Amino acid sequence: MTNRNIFPIIYAVISAVLTFIAMFFILFNTFHMNLSFTIFGAAIIAVMFYIYSYFRELSINMAVMMQN
């Protein structure tokens, strides 16, 4: 695997982890939700950000490869 193939995965994982941490604290401290609902909600939003980030970086890499 080249760097272009692995970069979208790394970028998406970092985005998902940061989103999970942020959403966990927002849902738990601001909305005073139950711990299990907080973890579930943060996980769902983190998965959505993983998918968004992965395909965003993948499309950018495809556009760069087509220009070359």
N, C-alpha and C. Protein backbone atom coordinates (compact mmCIF):
# COMPACT_ATOMS: atom_id res chain seq x y z
N MET A 1 0.84 -1.19 0.00
CA MET A 1 0.00 0.00 0.00
C MET A 1 0.88 1.25 0.00
N THR A 2 0.51 2.19 -0.81
CA THR A 2 1.25 3.44 -0.86
C THR A 2 0.66 4.42 0.14
N ASN A 3 1.36 5.55 0.27
CA ASN A 3 0.87 6.57 1.19
C ASN A 3 -0.49 7.12 0.76
N ARG A 4 -0.74 7.18 -0.54
CA ARG A 4 -2.03 7.67 -1.02
C ARG A 4 -3.16 6.71 -0.67
N ASN A 5 -2.86 5.43 -0.56
CA ASN A 5 -3.90 4.47 -0.21
C ASN A 5 -4.19 4.44 1.28
N ILE A 6 -3.19 4.70 2.10
CA ILE A 6 -3.36 4.58 3.54
C ILE A 6 -3.74 5.90 4.20
N PHE A 7 -3.46 7.04 3.56
CA PHE A 7 -3.74 8.33 4.17
C PHE A 7 -5.22 8.56 4.46
N PRO A 8 -6.15 8.22 3.55
CA PRO A 8 -7.58 8.43 3.89
C PRO A 8 -8.02 7.65 5.12
N ILE A 9 -7.46 6.47 5.32
CA ILE A 9 -7.83 5.65 6.48
C ILE A 9 -7.33 6.31 7.75
N ILE A 10 -6.08 6.75 7.76
CA ILE A 10 -5.51 7.40 8.95
C ILE A 10 -6.26 8.69 9.25
N TYR A 11 -6.52 9.48 8.23
CA TYR A 11 -7.24 10.75 8.40
C TYR A 11 -8.64 10.50 8.97
N ALA A 12 -9.33 9.50 8.46
CA ALA A 12 -10.68 9.21 8.92
C ALA A 12 -10.70 8.69 10.36
N VAL A 13 -9.72 7.87 10.72
CA VAL A 13 -9.66 7.35 12.09
C VAL A 13 -9.40 8.48 13.08
N ILE A 14 -8.48 9.38 12.75
CA ILE A 14 -8.20 10.52 13.63
C ILE A 14 -9.45 11.39 13.76
N SER A 15 -10.12 11.63 12.66
CA SER A 15 -11.35 12.43 12.69
C SER A 15 -12.42 11.77 13.56
N ALA A 16 -12.58 10.46 13.43
CA ALA A 16 -13.59 9.75 14.21
C ALA A 16 -13.27 9.75 15.70
N VAL A 17 -12.01 9.57 16.05
CA VAL A 17 -11.62 9.55 17.46
C VAL A 17 -11.85 10.92 18.10
N LEU A 18 -11.43 11.98 17.41
CA LEU A 18 -11.64 13.32 17.95
C LEU A 18 -13.13 13.66 18.05
N THR A 19 -13.91 13.23 17.08
CA THR A 19 -15.35 13.46 17.12
C THR A 19 -15.99 12.71 18.27
N PHE A 20 -15.56 11.47 18.50
CA PHE A 20 -16.12 10.68 19.61
C PHE A 20 -15.84 11.36 20.94
N ILE A 21 -14.61 11.80 21.14
CA ILE A 21 -14.25 12.45 22.41
C ILE A 21 -15.06 13.73 22.60
N ALA A 22 -15.14 14.56 21.55
CA ALA A 22 -15.88 15.81 21.66
C ALA A 22 -17.36 15.56 21.92
N MET A 23 -17.96 14.65 21.18
CA MET A 23 -19.40 14.40 21.34
C MET A 23 -19.69 13.75 22.69
N PHE A 24 -18.78 12.92 23.18
CA PHE A 24 -18.98 12.31 24.49
C PHE A 24 -19.11 13.39 25.56
N PHE A 25 -18.18 14.34 25.57
CA PHE A 25 -18.22 15.38 26.58
C PHE A 25 -19.40 16.33 26.38
N ILE A 26 -19.75 16.63 25.14
CA ILE A 26 -20.90 17.50 24.89
C ILE A 26 -22.19 16.84 25.36
N LEU A 27 -22.39 15.58 24.99
CA LEU A 27 -23.63 14.90 25.36
C LEU A 27 -23.70 14.62 26.86
N PHE A 28 -22.57 14.27 27.47
CA PHE A 28 -22.57 13.89 28.88
C PHE A 28 -22.66 15.11 29.79
N ASN A 29 -21.89 16.15 29.50
CA ASN A 29 -21.86 17.30 30.40
C ASN A 29 -22.94 18.33 30.10
N THR A 30 -23.21 18.60 28.84
CA THR A 30 -24.18 19.64 28.51
C THR A 30 -25.62 19.13 28.63
N PHE A 31 -25.90 17.98 28.05
CA PHE A 31 -27.26 17.46 28.04
C PHE A 31 -27.55 16.50 29.19
N HIS A 32 -26.54 16.16 29.99
CA HIS A 32 -26.69 15.29 31.16
C HIS A 32 -27.40 13.98 30.80
N MET A 33 -26.96 13.38 29.69
CA MET A 33 -27.55 12.13 29.24
C MET A 33 -26.96 10.95 30.02
N ASN A 34 -27.65 9.85 29.98
CA ASN A 34 -27.19 8.61 30.58
C ASN A 34 -25.88 8.19 29.91
N LEU A 35 -25.01 7.52 30.63
CA LEU A 35 -23.70 7.14 30.10
C LEU A 35 -23.81 6.23 28.89
N SER A 36 -24.72 5.27 28.91
CA SER A 36 -24.86 4.35 27.77
C SER A 36 -25.39 5.08 26.54
N PHE A 37 -26.35 5.98 26.72
CA PHE A 37 -26.83 6.77 25.59
C PHE A 37 -25.76 7.71 25.05
N THR A 38 -24.94 8.24 25.95
CA THR A 38 -23.86 9.13 25.55
C THR A 38 -22.85 8.39 24.68
N ILE A 39 -22.45 7.21 25.10
CA ILE A 39 -21.49 6.42 24.33
C ILE A 39 -22.09 6.01 22.99
N PHE A 40 -23.34 5.60 22.99
CA PHE A 40 -24.00 5.21 21.75
C PHE A 40 -24.12 6.39 20.78
N GLY A 41 -24.56 7.52 21.27
CA GLY A 41 -24.70 8.71 20.43
C GLY A 41 -23.37 9.19 19.88
N ALA A 42 -22.35 9.20 20.73
CA ALA A 42 -21.02 9.62 20.28
C ALA A 42 -20.46 8.64 19.25
N ALA A 43 -20.72 7.35 19.42
CA ALA A 43 -20.23 6.35 18.47
C ALA A 43 -20.91 6.50 17.11
N ILE A 44 -22.21 6.74 17.11
CA ILE A 44 -22.94 6.91 15.85
C ILE A 44 -22.40 8.12 15.09
N ILE A 45 -22.21 9.23 15.79
CA ILE A 45 -21.72 10.44 15.13
C ILE A 45 -20.28 10.25 14.67
N ALA A 46 -19.47 9.53 15.45
CA ALA A 46 -18.08 9.26 15.05
C ALA A 46 -18.02 8.40 13.80
N VAL A 47 -18.90 7.43 13.67
CA VAL A 47 -18.94 6.59 12.47
C VAL A 47 -19.34 7.44 11.25
N MET A 48 -20.28 8.35 11.44
CA MET A 48 -20.67 9.23 10.34
C MET A 48 -19.49 10.11 9.91
N PHE A 49 -18.73 10.63 10.87
CA PHE A 49 -17.57 11.44 10.52
C PHE A 49 -16.47 10.61 9.89
N TYR A 50 -16.33 9.34 10.30
CA TYR A 50 -15.34 8.46 9.67
C TYR A 50 -15.67 8.28 8.19
N ILE A 51 -16.93 7.98 7.90
CA ILE A 51 -17.35 7.77 6.51
C ILE A 51 -17.16 9.04 5.69
N TYR A 52 -17.58 10.18 6.25
CA TYR A 52 -17.43 11.45 5.55
C TYR A 52 -15.96 11.77 5.27
N SER A 53 -15.11 11.62 6.28
CA SER A 53 -13.69 11.95 6.12
C SER A 53 -13.00 11.00 5.16
N TYR A 54 -13.33 9.71 5.22
CA TYR A 54 -12.70 8.73 4.35
C TYR A 54 -13.00 9.04 2.89
N PHE A 55 -14.27 9.23 2.57
CA PHE A 55 -14.62 9.47 1.17
C PHE A 55 -14.17 10.85 0.69
N ARG A 56 -14.10 11.81 1.59
CA ARG A 56 -13.60 13.13 1.20
C ARG A 56 -12.14 13.06 0.80
N GLU A 57 -11.32 12.42 1.61
CA GLU A 57 -9.90 12.28 1.28
C GLU A 57 -9.69 11.37 0.09
N LEU A 58 -10.51 10.34 -0.04
CA LEU A 58 -10.39 9.44 -1.18
C LEU A 58 -10.70 10.17 -2.48
N SER A 59 -11.70 11.02 -2.47
CA SER A 59 -12.04 11.77 -3.68
C SER A 59 -10.96 12.79 -4.02
N ILE A 60 -10.34 13.39 -3.02
CA ILE A 60 -9.24 14.32 -3.27
C ILE A 60 -8.07 13.58 -3.88
N ASN A 61 -7.75 12.40 -3.36
CA ASN A 61 -6.64 11.61 -3.91
C ASN A 61 -6.93 11.16 -5.33
N MET A 62 -8.17 10.81 -5.63
CA MET A 62 -8.53 10.42 -6.98
C MET A 62 -8.37 11.58 -7.95
N ALA A 63 -8.77 12.77 -7.52
CA ALA A 63 -8.65 13.95 -8.38
C ALA A 63 -7.17 14.28 -8.66
N VAL A 64 -6.33 14.12 -7.66
CA VAL A 64 -4.90 14.37 -7.84
C VAL A 64 -4.30 13.33 -8.79
N MET A 65 -4.72 12.07 -8.64
CA MET A 65 -4.19 11.03 -9.52
C MET A 65 -4.63 11.23 -10.96
N MET A 66 -5.84 11.74 -11.18
CA MET A 66 -6.31 11.99 -12.55
C MET A 66 -5.58 13.13 -13.23
N GLN A 67 -5.12 14.09 -12.45
CA GLN A 67 -4.39 15.21 -13.02
C GLN A 67 -2.99 14.80 -13.47
N ASN A 68 -2.44 13.79 -12.84
CA ASN A 68 -1.08 13.35 -13.20
C ASN A 68 -1.07 12.50 -14.40
